[in-house]
């Protein structure tokens, strides 16, 4: 975990140093273009399951570095919120769950009206519920309770309320409980 974080910081710094070179370049445009280029490369690789299986984690870490470079350069920009969201997702993809929820929290704090806030909250709650061990029931409850304050479809609201009513069960116990019709 620490090695991914350290590598991420090193690559992020080197990318920032490189991106500051051009005297007349528009840094926002340059950083956005580099992010799009990396996302396009990853999408092309993922179209072929054989290539996707061989794709090194460093490819995703490079995308994270570019996303974070934009966020650090323009922390109040609306696109920075999207960069934090994508960083949250990519760290989850890399199974770096603590970093994933940390960037999710940063996004919630800096951009409380983020357009995909409900998805983000559910993602963080689920990560604490299923993926981070030992399971932190208080954090699962915390994020689901915040999610209930959002404008949710009635079925989604009912699902979250049911989950909270049985929060003492871990996700797998709860799934079994629900399958048994209780």
C-alpha atoms as a PDB file:
ATOM      1  CA  UNK A   1       0.000   0.000   0.000  1.00  0.00           C
ATOM      2  CA  UNK A   2       2.712   2.465   0.984  1.00  0.00           C
ATOM      3  CA  UNK A   3       4.741   1.585  -2.105  1.00  0.00           C
ATOM      4  CA  UNK A   4       1.802   2.469  -4.385  1.00  0.00           C
ATOM      5  CA  UNK A   5       1.398   5.769  -2.549  1.00  0.00           C
ATOM      6  CA  UNK A   6       5.136   6.556  -2.695  1.00  0.00           C
ATOM      7  CA  UNK A   7       5.342   5.670  -6.370  1.00  0.00           C
ATOM      8  CA  UNK A   8       2.262   7.777  -7.035  1.00  0.00           C
ATOM      9  CA  UNK A   9       3.852  10.800  -5.357  1.00  0.00           C
ATOM     10  CA  UNK A  10       7.141  10.387  -7.241  1.00  0.00           C
ATOM     11  CA  UNK A  11       5.443  10.038 -10.619  1.00  0.00           C
ATOM     12  CA  UNK A  12       3.089  12.906  -9.834  1.00  0.00           C
ATOM     13  CA  UNK A  13       6.014  15.174  -9.003  1.00  0.00           C
ATOM     14  CA  UNK A  14       7.901  14.214 -12.154  1.00  0.00           C
ATOM     15  CA  UNK A  15       4.790  14.821 -14.261  1.00  0.00           C
ATOM     16  CA  UNK A  16       4.304  18.249 -12.693  1.00  0.00           C
ATOM     17  CA  UNK A  17       7.904  19.190 -13.400  1.00  0.00           C
ATOM     18  CA  UNK A  18       7.531  18.109 -17.044  1.00  0.00           C
ATOM     19  CA  UNK A  19       4.218  19.887 -17.525  1.00  0.00           C
ATOM     20  CA  UNK A  20       5.540  23.254 -16.367  1.00  0.00           C
ATOM     21  CA  UNK A  21       8.026  23.523 -19.246  1.00  0.00           C
ATOM     22  CA  UNK A  22       6.272  25.355 -22.076  1.00  0.00           C
ATOM     23  CA  UNK A  23       6.280  29.146 -21.762  1.00  0.00           C
ATOM     24  CA  UNK A  24       3.086  29.812 -23.723  1.00  0.00           C
ATOM     25  CA  UNK A  25       1.171  26.635 -23.002  1.00  0.00           C
ATOM     26  CA  UNK A  26      -2.193  26.726 -21.349  1.00  0.00           C
ATOM     27  CA  UNK A  27      -1.608  24.452 -18.377  1.00  0.00           C
ATOM     28  CA  UNK A  28      -5.272  23.527 -17.964  1.00  0.00           C
ATOM     29  CA  UNK A  29      -5.590  22.489 -21.590  1.00  0.00           C
ATOM     30  CA  UNK A  30      -2.305  20.616 -21.454  1.00  0.00           C
ATOM     31  CA  UNK A  31      -3.213  18.700 -18.303  1.00  0.00           C
ATOM     32  CA  UNK A  32      -6.710  17.864 -19.582  1.00  0.00           C
ATOM     33  CA  UNK A  33      -5.232  16.637 -22.862  1.00  0.00           C
ATOM     34  CA  UNK A  34      -2.729  14.431 -21.037  1.00  0.00           C
ATOM     35  CA  UNK A  35      -5.533  12.945 -18.932  1.00  0.00           C
ATOM     36  CA  UNK A  36      -7.656  12.263 -22.010  1.00  0.00           C
ATOM     37  CA  UNK A  37      -4.693  10.700 -23.807  1.00  0.00           C
ATOM     38  CA  UNK A  38      -4.041   8.354 -20.874  1.00  0.00           C
ATOM     39  CA  UNK A  39      -7.728   7.470 -20.509  1.00  0.00           C
ATOM     40  CA  UNK A  40      -7.927   6.747 -24.245  1.00  0.00           C
ATOM     41  CA  UNK A  41      -4.847   4.515 -24.023  1.00  0.00           C
ATOM     42  CA  UNK A  42      -6.331   2.572 -21.112  1.00  0.00           C
ATOM     43  CA  UNK A  43      -9.671   2.214 -22.920  1.00  0.00           C
ATOM     44  CA  UNK A  44      -7.898   0.866 -26.015  1.00  0.00           C
ATOM     45  CA  UNK A  45      -5.988  -1.676 -23.923  1.00  0.00           C
ATOM     46  CA  UNK A  46      -9.131  -2.754 -22.090  1.00  0.00           C
ATOM     47  CA  UNK A  47     -10.956  -3.547 -25.347  1.00  0.00           C
ATOM     48  CA  UNK A  48      -8.749  -6.636 -25.680  1.00  0.00           C
ATOM     49  CA  UNK A  49      -9.158  -8.908 -22.624  1.00  0.00           C
ATOM     50  CA  UNK A  50      -5.705 -10.438 -23.186  1.00  0.00           C
ATOM     51  CA  UNK A  51      -4.033  -7.024 -23.213  1.00  0.00           C
ATOM     52  CA  UNK A  52      -6.143  -5.805 -20.295  1.00  0.00           C
ATOM     53  CA  UNK A  53      -4.963  -8.748 -18.190  1.00  0.00           C
ATOM     54  CA  UNK A  54      -1.343  -7.776 -18.928  1.00  0.00           C
ATOM     55  CA  UNK A  55      -1.818  -4.045 -18.274  1.00  0.00           C
ATOM     56  CA  UNK A  56       0.516  -3.062 -15.446  1.00  0.00           C
ATOM     57  CA  UNK A  57      -0.741  -1.174 -12.431  1.00  0.00           C
ATOM     58  CA  UNK A  58       1.709   1.558 -13.389  1.00  0.00           C
ATOM     59  CA  UNK A  59      -0.554   2.458 -16.304  1.00  0.00           C
ATOM     60  CA  UNK A  60      -3.401   3.245 -13.906  1.00  0.00           C
ATOM     61  CA  UNK A  61      -0.994   4.943 -11.503  1.00  0.00           C
ATOM     62  CA  UNK A  62       0.142   7.211 -14.329  1.00  0.00           C
ATOM     63  CA  UNK A  63      -3.486   8.199 -14.954  1.00  0.00           C
ATOM     64  CA  UNK A  64      -3.903   8.870 -11.219  1.00  0.00           C
ATOM     65  CA  UNK A  65      -0.798  11.053 -11.297  1.00  0.00           C
ATOM     66  CA  UNK A  66      -2.194  13.091 -14.168  1.00  0.00           C
ATOM     67  CA  UNK A  67      -5.552  13.455 -12.416  1.00  0.00           C
ATOM     68  CA  UNK A  68      -3.844  14.584  -9.222  1.00  0.00           C
ATOM     69  CA  UNK A  69      -1.564  16.967 -11.122  1.00  0.00           C
ATOM     70  CA  UNK A  70      -4.653  18.747 -12.419  1.00  0.00           C
ATOM     71  CA  UNK A  71      -6.293  18.753  -8.981  1.00  0.00           C
ATOM     72  CA  UNK A  72      -3.150  20.174  -7.321  1.00  0.00           C
ATOM     73  CA  UNK A  73      -2.709  22.810 -10.018  1.00  0.00           C
ATOM     74  CA  UNK A  74      -6.373  23.899  -9.991  1.00  0.00           C
ATOM     75  CA  UNK A  75      -7.903  22.707  -6.687  1.00  0.00           C
ATOM     76  CA  UNK A  76     -11.049  24.858  -6.926  1.00  0.00           C
ATOM     77  CA  UNK A  77     -11.804  24.128 -10.573  1.00  0.00           C
ATOM     78  CA  UNK A  78     -14.937  22.095 -11.341  1.00  0.00           C
ATOM     79  CA  UNK A  79     -12.854  19.644 -13.412  1.00  0.00           C
ATOM     80  CA  UNK A  80     -10.703  19.044 -10.304  1.00  0.00           C
ATOM     81  CA  UNK A  81     -13.791  17.468  -8.687  1.00  0.00           C
ATOM     82  CA  UNK A  82     -14.032  15.018 -11.578  1.00  0.00           C
ATOM     83  CA  UNK A  83     -10.303  14.304 -11.227  1.00  0.00           C
ATOM     84  CA  UNK A  84     -10.772  13.462  -7.544  1.00  0.00           C
ATOM     85  CA  UNK A  85     -13.740  11.245  -8.396  1.00  0.00           C
ATOM     86  CA  UNK A  86     -11.736   9.362 -11.034  1.00  0.00           C
ATOM     87  CA  UNK A  87      -8.842   9.045  -8.573  1.00  0.00           C
ATOM     88  CA  UNK A  88     -11.253   7.518  -6.043  1.00  0.00           C
ATOM     89  CA  UNK A  89     -12.421   4.987  -8.655  1.00  0.00           C
ATOM     90  CA  UNK A  90      -8.933   4.151  -9.949  1.00  0.00           C
ATOM     91  CA  UNK A  91      -7.525   3.537  -6.468  1.00  0.00           C
ATOM     92  CA  UNK A  92     -10.450   1.229  -5.828  1.00  0.00           C
ATOM     93  CA  UNK A  93      -9.675  -0.582  -9.099  1.00  0.00           C
ATOM     94  CA  UNK A  94      -6.106  -1.020  -7.830  1.00  0.00           C
ATOM     95  CA  UNK A  95      -7.451  -2.371  -4.516  1.00  0.00           C
ATOM     96  CA  UNK A  96      -5.857   0.544  -2.666  1.00  0.00           C
ATOM     97  CA  UNK A  97      -9.064   1.036  -0.694  1.00  0.00           C
ATOM     98  CA  UNK A  98      -7.727   3.352   2.008  1.00  0.00           C
ATOM     99  CA  UNK A  99      -6.478   5.752  -0.659  1.00  0.00           C
ATOM    100  CA  UNK A 100      -9.741   5.388  -2.542  1.00  0.00           C
ATOM    101  CA  UNK A 101     -11.860   6.458   0.438  1.00  0.00           C
ATOM    102  CA  UNK A 102      -9.371   9.200   1.341  1.00  0.00           C
ATOM    103  CA  UNK A 103      -9.772  10.835  -2.074  1.00  0.00           C
ATOM    104  CA  UNK A 104     -13.521  10.281  -1.881  1.00  0.00           C
ATOM    105  CA  UNK A 105     -13.543  12.129   1.440  1.00  0.00           C
ATOM    106  CA  UNK A 106     -11.454  14.935  -0.032  1.00  0.00           C
ATOM    107  CA  UNK A 107     -13.963  15.273  -2.858  1.00  0.00           C
ATOM    108  CA  UNK A 108     -16.892  15.394  -0.409  1.00  0.00           C
ATOM    109  CA  UNK A 109     -15.185  18.058   1.682  1.00  0.00           C
ATOM    110  CA  UNK A 110     -14.076  20.308  -1.174  1.00  0.00           C
ATOM    111  CA  UNK A 111     -17.059  19.845  -3.476  1.00  0.00           C
ATOM    112  CA  UNK A 112     -20.096  19.118  -1.265  1.00  0.00           C
ATOM    113  CA  UNK A 113     -22.470  19.604  -4.208  1.00  0.00           C
ATOM    114  CA  UNK A 114     -20.622  17.193  -6.511  1.00  0.00           C
ATOM    115  CA  UNK A 115     -23.086  15.935  -9.120  1.00  0.00           C
ATOM    116  CA  UNK A 116     -22.433  12.218  -8.468  1.00  0.00           C
ATOM    117  CA  UNK A 117     -22.409  12.586  -4.698  1.00  0.00           C
ATOM    118  CA  UNK A 118     -24.918   9.779  -4.159  1.00  0.00           C
ATOM    119  CA  UNK A 119     -22.793   7.334  -6.154  1.00  0.00           C
ATOM    120  CA  UNK A 120     -19.654   8.482  -4.316  1.00  0.00           C
ATOM    121  CA  UNK A 121     -21.263   8.081  -0.882  1.00  0.00           C
ATOM    122  CA  UNK A 122     -22.533   4.624  -1.727  1.00  0.00           C
ATOM    123  CA  UNK A 123     -19.113   3.668  -3.063  1.00  0.00           C
ATOM    124  CA  UNK A 124     -17.360   4.784   0.123  1.00  0.00           C
ATOM    125  CA  UNK A 125     -19.955   3.122   2.375  1.00  0.00           C
ATOM    126  CA  UNK A 126     -19.693  -0.124   0.409  1.00  0.00           C
ATOM    127  CA  UNK A 127     -15.912  -0.025   0.533  1.00  0.00           C
ATOM    128  CA  UNK A 128     -16.016   0.265   4.323  1.00  0.00           C
ATOM    129  CA  UNK A 129     -18.738  -2.398   4.473  1.00  0.00           C
ATOM    130  CA  UNK A 130     -17.065  -5.008   2.290  1.00  0.00           C
ATOM    131  CA  UNK A 131     -13.479  -4.252   1.325  1.00  0.00           C
ATOM    132  CA  UNK A 132     -11.640  -2.605   4.208  1.00  0.00           C
ATOM    133  CA  UNK A 133     -10.763  -4.966   7.029  1.00  0.00           C
ATOM    134  CA  UNK A 134     -11.373  -4.907   9.833  1.00  0.00           C
ATOM    135  CA  UNK A 135     -14.838  -3.657   8.998  1.00  0.00           C
ATOM    136  CA  UNK A 136     -15.622  -0.267  10.536  1.00  0.00           C
ATOM    137  CA  UNK A 137     -19.340  -0.338  11.307  1.00  0.00           C
ATOM    138  CA  UNK A 138     -19.328   3.313  12.404  1.00  0.00           C
ATOM    139  CA  UNK A 139     -17.986   4.464   9.044  1.00  0.00           C
ATOM    140  CA  UNK A 140     -20.450   2.300   7.135  1.00  0.00           C
ATOM    141  CA  UNK A 141     -23.281   3.874   9.147  1.00  0.00           C
ATOM    142  CA  UNK A 142     -21.841   7.386   8.761  1.00  0.00           C
ATOM    143  CA  UNK A 143     -21.738   7.305   4.957  1.00  0.00           C
ATOM    144  CA  UNK A 144     -25.103   5.582   4.554  1.00  0.00           C
ATOM    145  CA  UNK A 145     -26.710   8.164   6.853  1.00  0.00           C
ATOM    146  CA  UNK A 146     -25.247  10.987   4.762  1.00  0.00           C
ATOM    147  CA  UNK A 147     -26.519   9.202   1.646  1.00  0.00           C
ATOM    148  CA  UNK A 148     -30.051   9.165   3.091  1.00  0.00           C
ATOM    149  CA  UNK A 149     -29.950  12.981   3.134  1.00  0.00           C
ATOM    150  CA  UNK A 150     -29.640  12.966  -0.660  1.00  0.00           C
ATOM    151  CA  UNK A 151     -32.533  12.888  -3.119  1.00  0.00           C
ATOM    152  CA  UNK A 152     -32.826   9.127  -3.691  1.00  0.00           C
ATOM    153  CA  UNK A 153     -35.291   6.938  -5.509  1.00  0.00           C
ATOM    154  CA  UNK A 154     -37.708   5.320  -3.033  1.00  0.00           C
ATOM    155  CA  UNK A 155     -36.339   1.821  -3.686  1.00  0.00           C
ATOM    156  CA  UNK A 156     -32.753   2.982  -3.085  1.00  0.00           C
ATOM    157  CA  UNK A 157     -33.815   4.780   0.103  1.00  0.00           C
ATOM    158  CA  UNK A 158     -35.578   1.627   1.364  1.00  0.00           C
ATOM    159  CA  UNK A 159     -32.488  -0.504   0.591  1.00  0.00           C
ATOM    160  CA  UNK A 160     -30.240   1.856   2.560  1.00  0.00           C
ATOM    161  CA  UNK A 161     -32.682   2.018   5.476  1.00  0.00           C
ATOM    162  CA  UNK A 162     -32.852  -1.802   5.546  1.00  0.00           C
ATOM    163  CA  UNK A 163     -29.062  -2.016   5.492  1.00  0.00           C
ATOM    164  CA  UNK A 164     -28.817   0.429   8.396  1.00  0.00           C
ATOM    165  CA  UNK A 165     -31.415  -1.535  10.362  1.00  0.00           C
ATOM    166  CA  UNK A 166     -29.056  -4.528  10.251  1.00  0.00           C
ATOM    167  CA  UNK A 167     -25.723  -2.729  10.253  1.00  0.00           C
ATOM    168  CA  UNK A 168     -24.337  -5.079  12.939  1.00  0.00           C
ATOM    169  CA  UNK A 169     -24.188  -7.796  10.251  1.00  0.00           C
ATOM    170  CA  UNK A 170     -21.324  -7.713   7.835  1.00  0.00           C
ATOM    171  CA  UNK A 171     -22.243  -7.503   4.166  1.00  0.00           C
ATOM    172  CA  UNK A 172     -22.130 -11.247   3.606  1.00  0.00           C
ATOM    173  CA  UNK A 173     -24.265 -12.022   6.648  1.00  0.00           C
ATOM    174  CA  UNK A 174     -26.717  -9.362   5.538  1.00  0.00           C
ATOM    175  CA  UNK A 175     -26.854 -10.769   1.995  1.00  0.00           C
ATOM    176  CA  UNK A 176     -27.594 -14.223   3.380  1.00  0.00           C
ATOM    177  CA  UNK A 177     -30.227 -12.745   5.686  1.00  0.00           C
ATOM    178  CA  UNK A 178     -31.913 -11.037   2.713  1.00  0.00           C
ATOM    179  CA  UNK A 179     -31.763 -14.195   0.592  1.00  0.00           C
ATOM    180  CA  UNK A 180     -33.566 -16.085   3.338  1.00  0.00           C
ATOM    181  CA  UNK A 181     -36.438 -13.618   2.948  1.00  0.00           C
ATOM    182  CA  UNK A 182     -36.050 -11.795   6.216  1.00  0.00           C
END
